[in-house]
Protein backbone atom coordinates (compact mmCIF):
# COMPACT_ATOMS: atom_id res chain seq x y z
CA MET A 1 162.15 324.46 70.42
CA ASN A 2 161.05 327.37 72.61
CA ALA A 3 157.42 328.38 73.13
CA LEU A 4 157.64 331.46 70.89
CA ALA A 5 158.97 329.43 67.98
CA GLN A 6 156.27 326.82 68.48
CA ASP A 7 153.56 329.48 68.51
CA ALA A 8 154.85 330.74 65.14
CA ASP A 9 154.45 327.34 63.46
CA PRO A 10 151.14 326.51 61.74
CA VAL A 11 149.23 323.72 63.47
CA VAL A 12 146.63 321.18 62.43
CA ALA A 13 144.36 318.82 64.36
CA ILE A 14 141.19 316.81 64.13
CA ALA A 15 138.70 319.02 65.94
CA THR A 16 135.90 316.51 66.45
CA ALA A 17 135.73 313.86 69.16
CA PRO A 18 137.32 310.43 68.48
CA GLY A 19 135.07 307.77 67.00
CA ARG A 20 132.51 307.55 64.23
CA GLY A 21 130.17 310.43 63.44
CA ALA A 22 128.16 312.07 60.72
CA VAL A 23 130.68 314.88 60.30
CA GLY A 24 134.37 315.20 61.10
CA ILE A 25 136.38 318.44 61.15
CA VAL A 26 140.07 319.02 60.54
CA ARG A 27 141.29 322.49 61.49
CA VAL A 28 144.48 324.36 60.55
CA SER A 29 145.71 327.66 62.04
CA GLY A 30 148.78 329.71 61.14
CA LYS A 31 150.15 332.60 59.15
CA SER A 32 149.73 332.79 55.36
CA LEU A 33 147.72 329.59 54.83
CA GLY A 34 146.47 330.65 51.40
CA VAL A 35 148.93 328.37 49.60
CA LEU A 36 147.95 325.37 51.72
CA ALA A 37 144.26 326.11 51.22
CA ARG A 38 144.69 326.18 47.43
CA ALA A 39 146.75 323.00 47.50
CA ILE A 40 144.21 320.92 49.42
CA ALA A 41 141.16 322.44 47.71
CA GLY A 42 142.59 322.54 44.19
CA ARG A 43 141.18 326.04 43.73
CA GLU A 44 141.03 329.52 45.28
CA LEU A 45 138.68 329.58 48.26
CA GLN A 46 136.39 332.55 48.82
CA PRO A 47 136.90 333.81 52.38
CA ARG A 48 134.21 332.81 54.89
CA HIS A 49 132.21 330.85 52.31
CA ALA A 50 131.66 327.09 52.39
CA THR A 51 132.87 325.37 49.22
CA TYR A 52 131.83 321.79 48.43
CA LEU A 53 134.64 319.89 46.71
CA PRO A 54 136.65 316.64 46.63
CA PHE A 55 139.81 316.25 48.74
CA MET A 56 142.56 314.38 46.88
CA ASP A 57 145.52 312.35 48.09
CA GLY A 58 149.08 312.68 46.79
CA GLN A 59 148.44 310.23 43.93
CA GLY A 60 145.36 312.02 42.65
CA GLY A 61 142.88 309.66 44.29
CA MET A 62 139.89 311.05 46.15
CA LEU A 63 139.99 310.85 49.95
CA ASP A 64 136.47 312.18 50.46
CA GLN A 65 134.10 314.97 49.47
CA GLY A 66 133.19 317.74 51.87
CA LEU A 67 133.23 321.44 52.72
CA ALA A 68 136.22 323.77 52.88
CA LEU A 69 136.09 327.11 54.73
CA PHE A 70 138.90 329.65 54.80
CA PHE A 71 139.01 332.46 57.38
CA PRO A 72 141.83 334.95 56.67
CA ALA A 73 143.43 336.70 59.64
CA PRO A 74 142.44 338.47 61.78
CA HIS A 75 138.79 337.49 61.31
CA SER A 76 139.04 333.99 62.74
CA TYR A 77 138.84 332.13 66.05
CA THR A 78 142.61 332.24 66.60
CA GLY A 79 143.31 335.61 64.98
CA GLU A 80 145.48 333.81 62.38
CA ASP A 81 144.50 332.31 59.03
CA VAL A 82 142.21 329.36 59.76
CA LEU A 83 141.35 326.57 57.33
CA GLU A 84 138.52 324.24 58.31
CA LEU A 85 137.71 321.07 56.36
CA GLN A 86 134.48 319.16 57.02
CA ILE A 87 134.16 315.59 55.80
CA HIS A 88 132.46 312.36 56.84
CA GLY A 89 133.24 311.51 60.45
CA GLY A 90 135.11 308.24 60.05
CA PRO A 91 138.36 307.89 62.04
CA VAL A 92 140.33 306.50 59.10
CA VAL A 93 139.34 309.12 56.54
CA LEU A 94 140.01 311.90 59.05
CA GLN A 95 143.51 310.51 59.69
CA LEU A 96 144.13 310.30 55.94
CA LEU A 97 143.12 313.94 55.47
CA LEU A 98 145.29 314.97 58.43
CA ALA A 99 148.28 313.12 56.92
CA ARG A 100 147.68 314.79 53.56
CA LEU A 101 147.68 318.25 55.13
CA LEU A 102 150.91 317.50 57.01
CA GLU A 103 152.45 316.36 53.73
CA LEU A 104 151.39 319.53 51.90
CA GLY A 105 152.51 321.74 54.78
CA ARG A 106 155.92 320.16 55.32
CA ASP A 107 157.84 323.15 53.89
CA MET A 108 155.94 325.59 56.14
CA ARG A 109 156.66 323.40 59.21
CA LEU A 110 153.04 322.45 59.73
CA ARG A 111 152.73 320.25 62.82
CA VAL A 112 150.02 318.56 64.88
CA ALA A 113 148.53 320.89 67.49
CA GLN A 114 148.93 320.35 71.23
CA PRO A 115 145.89 320.24 73.53
CA GLY A 116 144.27 323.67 73.74
CA GLU A 117 146.66 325.23 71.25
CA PHE A 118 143.98 326.83 69.07
CA THR A 119 142.43 328.56 72.08
CA ARG A 120 145.88 329.48 73.41
CA ARG A 121 146.57 331.26 70.11
CA ALA A 122 143.21 333.02 70.37
CA PHE A 123 144.31 334.28 73.80
CA LEU A 124 147.81 335.30 72.66
CA ASN A 125 146.36 337.14 69.66
CA GLY A 126 143.86 339.08 71.77
CA LYS A 127 140.72 337.32 70.54
CA LEU A 128 139.88 336.10 74.05
CA ASP A 129 141.17 336.97 77.49
CA LEU A 130 142.27 334.16 79.81
CA ALA A 131 138.97 333.89 81.69
CA GLN A 132 137.09 333.60 78.39
CA ALA A 133 139.59 331.04 77.11
CA GLU A 134 139.07 328.89 80.20
CA SER A 135 135.31 329.10 79.75
CA VAL A 136 135.67 327.39 76.35
CA ALA A 137 136.88 324.23 78.10
CA ASP A 138 134.28 324.70 80.84
CA LEU A 139 131.49 324.87 78.27
CA ILE A 140 132.68 321.63 76.70
CA ASP A 141 133.00 319.92 80.10
CA ALA A 142 129.74 321.28 81.58
CA SER A 143 127.84 318.50 83.36
CA THR A 144 124.57 320.40 83.93
CA GLU A 145 122.42 322.84 81.98
CA ALA A 146 123.09 325.56 84.56
CA ALA A 147 126.85 325.03 84.24
CA ALA A 148 126.64 325.24 80.44
CA ARG A 149 124.66 328.49 80.56
CA SER A 150 127.07 329.94 83.12
CA ALA A 151 130.05 328.95 80.96
CA THR A 152 128.40 330.73 78.03
CA ARG A 153 128.10 333.88 80.14
CA ALA A 154 131.79 333.66 81.05
CA LEU A 155 132.68 333.14 77.39
CA ALA A 156 130.64 336.25 76.55
CA GLY A 157 132.80 338.15 79.03
CA GLU A 158 130.63 338.46 82.17
CA LEU A 159 133.50 337.57 84.53
CA SER A 160 135.92 339.70 82.54
CA LYS A 161 133.58 342.72 82.69
CA ALA A 162 133.33 342.40 86.47
CA VAL A 163 137.13 342.18 86.75
CA HIS A 164 137.69 345.15 84.44
CA ALA A 165 135.19 347.26 86.41
CA LEU A 166 137.14 346.53 89.60
CA ALA A 167 140.40 347.23 87.79
CA ALA A 168 139.15 350.61 86.59
CA GLN A 169 138.44 351.69 90.17
CA LEU A 170 141.85 350.44 91.26
CA VAL A 171 143.59 352.31 88.45
CA GLU A 172 141.93 355.58 89.48
CA LEU A 173 143.20 355.15 93.02
CA ARG A 174 146.66 354.18 91.84
CA LEU A 175 146.88 357.23 89.57
CA LEU A 176 145.94 359.57 92.42
CA VAL A 177 148.49 358.03 94.77
CA GLU A 178 151.24 357.98 92.15
CA ALA A 179 150.52 361.60 91.18
CA THR A 180 150.84 362.68 94.79
CA LEU A 181 154.12 360.77 95.12
CA ASP A 182 155.46 362.42 91.94
CA PHE A 183 154.51 365.96 92.99
CA PRO A 184 155.03 366.20 96.75
CA GLU A 185 155.64 369.97 96.54
CA GLU A 186 151.94 370.51 95.80
CA ASP A 187 151.31 369.70 99.49
CA ILE A 188 147.91 368.19 98.77
CA ASP A 189 146.17 366.28 101.54
CA PHE A 190 145.58 363.32 99.27
CA LEU A 191 143.75 361.03 101.67
CA ARG A 192 141.17 363.69 102.52
CA GLN A 193 140.64 365.52 99.24
CA ALA A 194 140.60 362.38 97.09
CA HIS A 195 138.26 360.57 99.52
CA ALA A 196 140.62 357.60 99.40
CA ALA A 197 139.14 355.84 102.43
CA GLN A 198 135.61 355.95 101.00
CA ARG A 199 136.82 354.86 97.56
CA LEU A 200 138.61 351.90 99.07
CA GLN A 201 135.54 350.90 101.07
CA ASP A 202 133.36 351.11 97.96
CA LEU A 203 135.91 348.98 96.13
CA GLN A 204 135.85 346.41 98.92
CA GLN A 205 132.07 346.12 98.72
CA THR A 206 132.13 345.64 94.96
CA LEU A 207 134.87 343.04 95.34
CA GLN A 208 132.78 341.11 97.88
CA GLN A 209 129.90 340.95 95.39
CA VAL A 210 132.19 339.63 92.65
CA GLN A 211 133.66 337.09 95.08
CA ALA A 212 130.19 335.77 95.93
CA ARG A 213 129.29 335.35 92.24
CA THR A 214 132.65 333.71 91.58
CA ARG A 215 132.25 331.19 94.41
CA GLN A 216 128.83 330.32 93.00
CA GLY A 217 130.45 329.85 89.58
CA VAL A 218 133.05 327.48 91.03
CA LEU A 219 130.27 325.48 92.65
CA LEU A 220 128.48 325.12 89.31
CA ARG A 221 131.70 324.02 87.63
CA GLU A 222 133.18 321.67 90.21
CA GLY A 223 130.21 320.61 92.32
CA LEU A 224 130.26 319.54 95.94
CA ASN A 225 131.70 316.38 97.49
CA VAL A 226 129.05 315.02 99.85
CA VAL A 227 130.06 312.02 101.99
CA LEU A 228 127.47 309.78 103.65
CA ALA A 229 128.85 308.69 107.02
CA GLY A 230 127.57 306.75 110.00
CA GLN A 231 127.40 303.36 111.63
CA PRO A 232 126.55 300.24 109.61
CA ASN A 233 122.90 299.80 108.62
CA VAL A 234 121.78 303.37 109.30
CA GLY A 235 120.58 303.74 105.69
CA LYS A 236 123.52 305.31 103.85
CA SER A 237 123.20 303.06 100.79
CA SER A 238 119.43 303.49 100.76
CA LEU A 239 119.88 307.26 100.81
CA LEU A 240 122.40 307.13 97.95
CA ASN A 241 119.94 305.09 95.88
CA ALA A 242 117.07 307.45 96.75
CA LEU A 243 119.03 310.59 95.81
CA ALA A 244 120.36 309.01 92.59
CA GLY A 245 117.03 307.47 91.62
CA ALA A 246 118.74 304.16 90.85
CA GLU A 247 119.88 301.02 92.66
CA LEU A 248 123.58 301.83 92.77
CA ALA A 249 124.49 300.38 96.15
CA ILE A 250 123.55 296.99 97.59
CA VAL A 251 121.07 297.30 100.47
CA THR A 252 120.71 294.39 102.94
CA PRO A 253 119.98 294.03 106.66
CA ILE A 254 123.49 292.59 107.09
CA ALA A 255 125.88 295.03 108.78
CA GLY A 256 129.06 295.71 106.82
CA THR A 257 127.57 295.07 103.36
CA THR A 258 129.24 298.20 101.94
CA ARG A 259 132.99 297.54 101.92
CA ASP A 260 134.22 300.31 99.62
CA LYS A 261 133.19 303.76 98.42
CA VAL A 262 130.31 304.01 95.94
CA SER A 263 129.96 307.35 94.14
CA GLN A 264 127.32 308.99 92.02
CA THR A 265 126.95 312.53 90.69
CA ILE A 266 123.50 314.06 90.83
CA GLN A 267 122.33 317.63 90.33
CA ILE A 268 120.07 319.81 92.42
CA GLU A 269 118.89 323.01 90.73
CA GLY A 270 121.85 322.79 88.36
CA VAL A 271 124.48 322.26 91.07
CA PRO A 272 126.43 318.99 90.68
CA LEU A 273 126.69 316.99 93.89
CA HIS A 274 129.14 314.09 94.06
CA ILE A 275 127.50 311.75 96.58
CA ILE A 276 129.87 309.20 98.16
CA ASP A 277 128.52 306.24 100.12
CA THR A 278 131.08 304.81 102.54
CA ALA A 279 131.52 301.71 104.65
CA GLY A 280 129.85 301.82 108.06
CA LEU A 281 132.12 303.24 110.75
CA ARG A 282 132.81 300.66 113.45
CA ASP A 283 135.58 298.50 114.88
CA SER A 284 135.78 295.20 113.02
CA ALA A 285 137.85 292.02 113.11
CA ASP A 286 137.35 291.63 109.36
CA ALA A 287 140.51 292.81 107.57
CA VAL A 288 138.63 293.82 104.41
CA GLU A 289 136.03 295.78 106.37
CA ARG A 290 138.79 297.57 108.31
CA ILE A 291 140.26 298.74 105.00
CA GLY A 292 136.82 299.97 103.96
CA VAL A 293 136.42 301.89 107.23
CA ALA A 294 139.84 303.50 106.78
CA ARG A 295 138.84 304.61 103.29
CA SER A 296 135.62 306.01 104.74
CA TRP A 297 137.59 308.26 107.10
CA ASP A 298 139.82 309.35 104.19
CA ALA A 299 136.73 310.32 102.19
CA ILE A 300 135.31 312.21 105.18
CA SER A 301 138.52 314.23 105.55
CA ASP A 302 138.26 315.32 101.89
CA ALA A 303 134.52 316.10 101.99
CA ASP A 304 132.91 319.48 101.39
CA VAL A 305 129.90 318.35 103.42
CA VAL A 306 129.38 315.27 105.63
CA LEU A 307 125.90 313.79 106.01
CA PHE A 308 126.03 312.07 109.40
CA LEU A 309 123.21 309.51 109.31
CA HIS A 310 121.47 308.35 112.49
CA ASP A 311 119.04 305.42 112.80
CA LEU A 312 115.97 306.60 114.72
CA THR A 313 114.97 303.01 115.48
CA ARG A 314 118.23 302.27 117.36
CA LEU A 315 118.58 305.32 119.62
CA GLN A 316 118.19 303.20 122.77
CA ALA A 317 120.07 300.13 121.50
CA PRO A 318 123.01 299.06 123.72
CA GLY A 319 126.26 300.75 122.69
CA TYR A 320 124.65 302.76 119.87
CA ALA A 321 124.84 306.17 121.56
CA GLN A 322 128.49 305.71 122.55
CA ALA A 323 129.41 304.70 119.00
CA GLU A 324 127.63 307.82 117.66
CA ALA A 325 129.58 309.99 120.09
CA ASP A 326 132.89 308.41 119.02
CA ILE A 327 132.12 309.09 115.36
CA ALA A 328 131.03 312.67 116.07
CA ARG A 329 134.26 313.43 117.91
CA GLY A 330 136.31 311.95 115.06
CA LEU A 331 134.79 314.18 112.36
CA PRO A 332 137.33 316.74 111.09
CA ALA A 333 136.97 320.30 112.30
CA GLY A 334 136.01 322.82 109.64
CA VAL A 335 133.97 320.39 107.51
CA PRO A 336 130.22 321.21 107.59
CA VAL A 337 128.23 318.34 109.11
CA LEU A 338 124.52 317.84 108.45
CA HIS A 339 122.81 315.42 110.82
CA VAL A 340 120.29 313.24 108.99
CA PHE A 341 117.84 311.20 111.09
CA ASN A 342 116.67 308.25 109.03
CA LYS A 343 113.67 305.89 109.31
CA ARG A 344 111.29 308.52 110.62
CA ASP A 345 108.41 306.44 109.25
CA SER A 346 109.20 303.75 111.86
CA VAL A 347 109.13 305.84 115.09
CA ARG A 348 106.94 308.24 117.03
CA VAL A 349 108.42 311.65 116.30
CA GLU A 350 107.85 313.20 119.76
CA GLN A 351 109.38 310.22 121.55
CA ALA A 352 112.35 310.11 119.15
CA GLU A 353 113.03 313.83 119.68
CA GLN A 354 113.22 313.25 123.44
CA HIS A 355 115.62 310.35 122.94
CA ILE A 356 117.82 312.45 120.65
CA ALA A 357 117.96 315.31 123.16
CA LEU A 358 118.96 312.90 125.93
CA ALA A 359 121.49 311.14 123.72
CA TRP A 360 123.14 314.41 122.71
CA GLU A 361 123.43 315.36 126.37
CA GLN A 362 124.95 311.97 127.19
CA TRP A 363 127.44 312.29 124.32
CA GLY A 364 128.61 315.63 125.67
CA LEU A 365 127.88 317.26 122.31
CA ALA A 366 126.16 320.53 121.51
CA ALA A 367 122.58 320.03 120.36
CA ALA A 368 122.38 319.97 116.58
CA GLU A 369 119.46 320.45 114.27
CA GLY A 370 119.07 318.04 111.42
CA VAL A 371 116.81 316.74 108.70
CA TRP A 372 114.37 313.91 109.34
CA ILE A 373 113.93 311.52 106.44
CA SER A 374 112.83 308.08 105.39
CA ALA A 375 115.29 306.95 102.72
CA ALA A 376 113.11 303.91 102.00
CA ARG A 377 109.94 305.93 101.36
CA GLY A 378 111.50 309.17 100.14
CA ASP A 379 110.09 311.30 102.96
CA GLY A 380 112.06 314.48 103.65
CA LEU A 381 114.37 314.16 100.63
CA GLN A 382 113.29 317.49 99.16
CA GLU A 383 114.10 319.26 102.43
CA LEU A 384 117.45 317.46 102.48
CA ARG A 385 118.25 318.65 98.95
CA HIS A 386 117.47 322.27 99.78
CA THR A 387 119.50 322.09 103.00
CA LEU A 388 122.46 320.71 101.04
CA LEU A 389 122.27 323.66 98.64
CA GLN A 390 122.24 326.08 101.56
CA LEU A 391 125.32 324.41 103.07
CA ALA A 392 127.02 324.62 99.69
CA GLY A 393 126.39 328.36 99.61
CA ALA A 394 124.31 328.07 96.45
CA GLN A 395 122.11 331.01 95.57
CA GLN A 396 118.53 330.49 94.51
CA GLY A 397 118.72 329.85 90.79
CA SER A 398 121.72 330.42 88.55
CA GLU A 399 120.63 333.34 86.37
CA GLY A 400 123.44 335.87 86.06
CA VAL A 401 126.06 333.48 87.45
CA PHE A 402 129.20 332.96 85.38
CA ILE A 403 131.34 329.83 85.51
CA ALA A 404 134.55 330.24 87.47
CA ARG A 405 137.55 328.32 88.75
CA GLN A 406 139.36 328.00 92.05
CA ARG A 407 142.24 330.09 90.72
CA HIS A 408 139.79 332.97 90.16
CA VAL A 409 138.62 332.69 93.77
CA GLN A 410 142.23 332.65 94.96
CA ALA A 411 143.13 335.68 92.83
CA LEU A 412 140.18 337.64 94.22
CA GLU A 413 141.16 336.63 97.75
CA ARG A 414 144.71 337.94 97.18
CA THR A 415 143.20 341.16 95.84
CA ARG A 416 141.00 341.49 98.92
CA SER A 417 143.98 340.88 101.22
CA HIS A 418 145.98 343.73 99.68
CA LEU A 419 142.97 346.06 99.71
CA ASP A 420 142.43 345.27 103.40
CA LEU A 421 146.04 346.22 104.11
CA ALA A 422 145.57 349.47 102.19
CA VAL A 423 142.44 350.28 104.21
CA ASP A 424 144.30 349.50 107.45
CA LEU A 425 147.10 351.87 106.46
CA ILE A 426 144.65 354.75 106.04
CA ALA A 427 142.63 353.85 109.13
CA ARG A 428 145.73 353.80 111.37
CA ASP A 429 147.26 357.03 110.14
CA ALA A 430 145.73 359.83 108.11
CA ASN A 431 149.28 360.62 106.98
CA ALA A 432 150.16 357.02 106.10
CA PRO A 433 153.23 356.56 103.88
CA LEU A 434 151.94 356.85 100.33
CA ASP A 435 154.63 354.56 98.95
CA LEU A 436 153.30 351.69 101.09
CA LEU A 437 149.74 352.47 100.02
CA ALA A 438 150.81 352.58 96.38
CA GLU A 439 152.51 349.19 96.70
CA GLU A 440 149.43 347.52 98.21
CA LEU A 441 147.24 348.94 95.45
CA ARG A 442 149.74 347.76 92.82
CA LEU A 443 149.78 344.23 94.26
CA ALA A 444 145.97 344.19 94.45
CA HIS A 445 145.77 345.26 90.81
CA GLN A 446 148.32 342.65 89.74
CA ALA A 447 146.49 339.85 91.60
CA LEU A 448 143.19 340.89 90.03
CA MET A 449 144.51 340.95 86.48
CA THR A 450 145.84 337.37 86.66
CA ILE A 451 142.19 336.38 86.13
CA THR A 452 142.08 337.84 82.62
CA GLY A 453 145.72 337.09 81.85
CA ASP A 454 147.29 340.55 81.94
CA TYR A 455 149.77 339.28 84.55
CA THR A 456 150.10 335.55 84.10
CA PRO A 457 153.29 333.42 84.26
CA ASP A 458 153.96 331.16 81.26
CA ASP A 459 153.91 328.03 83.43
CA LEU A 460 150.34 328.82 84.49
CA LEU A 461 149.33 329.24 80.86
CA GLY A 462 150.83 325.85 80.09
CA ALA A 463 148.89 324.22 82.92
CA ILE A 464 145.61 325.84 81.86
CA PHE A 465 145.71 325.01 78.17
CA SER A 466 147.11 321.48 78.61
CA SER A 467 143.74 320.51 80.13
CA PHE A 468 141.91 321.33 76.87
CA CYS A 469 141.02 318.73 74.26
CA ILE A 470 143.12 318.50 71.10
CA GLY A 471 141.61 320.53 68.26
CA LYS A 472 140.34 323.23 70.59
């Protein structure tokens, strides 16, 4: 069955999470559900009013008592007729009610909904644009208060408004270019009289602002992968425990205690940080430890930020400096590295600073600033948290930030690329070919509108809505 035929069928699903609960909801969406509503309720339902009544099975026995609400199209979540039944939240009784609805709706081809199908119908029927539809799932999945509030802003259309404002400026430029192409006999100096160069520059500046807010929204949604790296016994596990506020990793004086990755998600000012403790980086004859070290390097290569821990009490220990240099040279290029000097409570700061400066010179590495902490006592952890946020690109606070996804960032980047090419065309030649300029503006507009779904391939829609929960 093709997608259009499937979208025409009425669908039903249990809309509440699996398991026991005080209330369970079964939701139906489709065209002309009045007959089904009367059949399950045993009476005519007043639109948008809750009616308390018994729900009967096919033999006239009562399944449960609860509330029935009927929302005729188009005044519903999906834009179709929606029937919502609320009963006690037991898994068995919910399944019985679902089976009864499927039985009553057999002639109308009622079927069980796919993940995200209700929200997909809301998008297809113009009740939500694609960015708003995605924010429904983001609100459900939000792991922090800041992420939830930002998802609510996106659902209210904050991202969409920013995109539409950019699109309006693009459309004005496109209309001027297309008009000049259609009426060349007017001999109008388009680039000068329409102030195209200035308009494009203004558009670029606005786009940069939206990009910054969008990157912040992605950070709130997805968080940051922070990998703790360094030699054995430099305090990585102690730091993980201190940041998490719980004894997650085993801490002992024995080198090589951590054999595999240990992860914990924390939040700093609403930004989720996925902290990953790794095995100490060193050569080892132990086969299991070698596997752990290999996994550590894999985690480092996938990190958004690496915290390179140094033990201030071992700066002059034999072989320590060389091992630090080897690790530093092995860190992947392009991954931000924050040097963290641990055990500051056990050394004289001035003397340690001199040792670090000498060690860096011996390693042949550029001097690097870092954060001085004591993971055992908690000293310097607040400074470390703030530095992590700065590396992540987080803005102070999250007011006004809307939740966003990587695909939004990528779409804005494609838009920026085409606008840059358009600006270059004008900058190189005041009489630049207008057909090339028109094409770059068209491609920029098309890339931008994939965010709200005006230009979105069906396979992308399938990928987006398949990640939703069933019943939403």
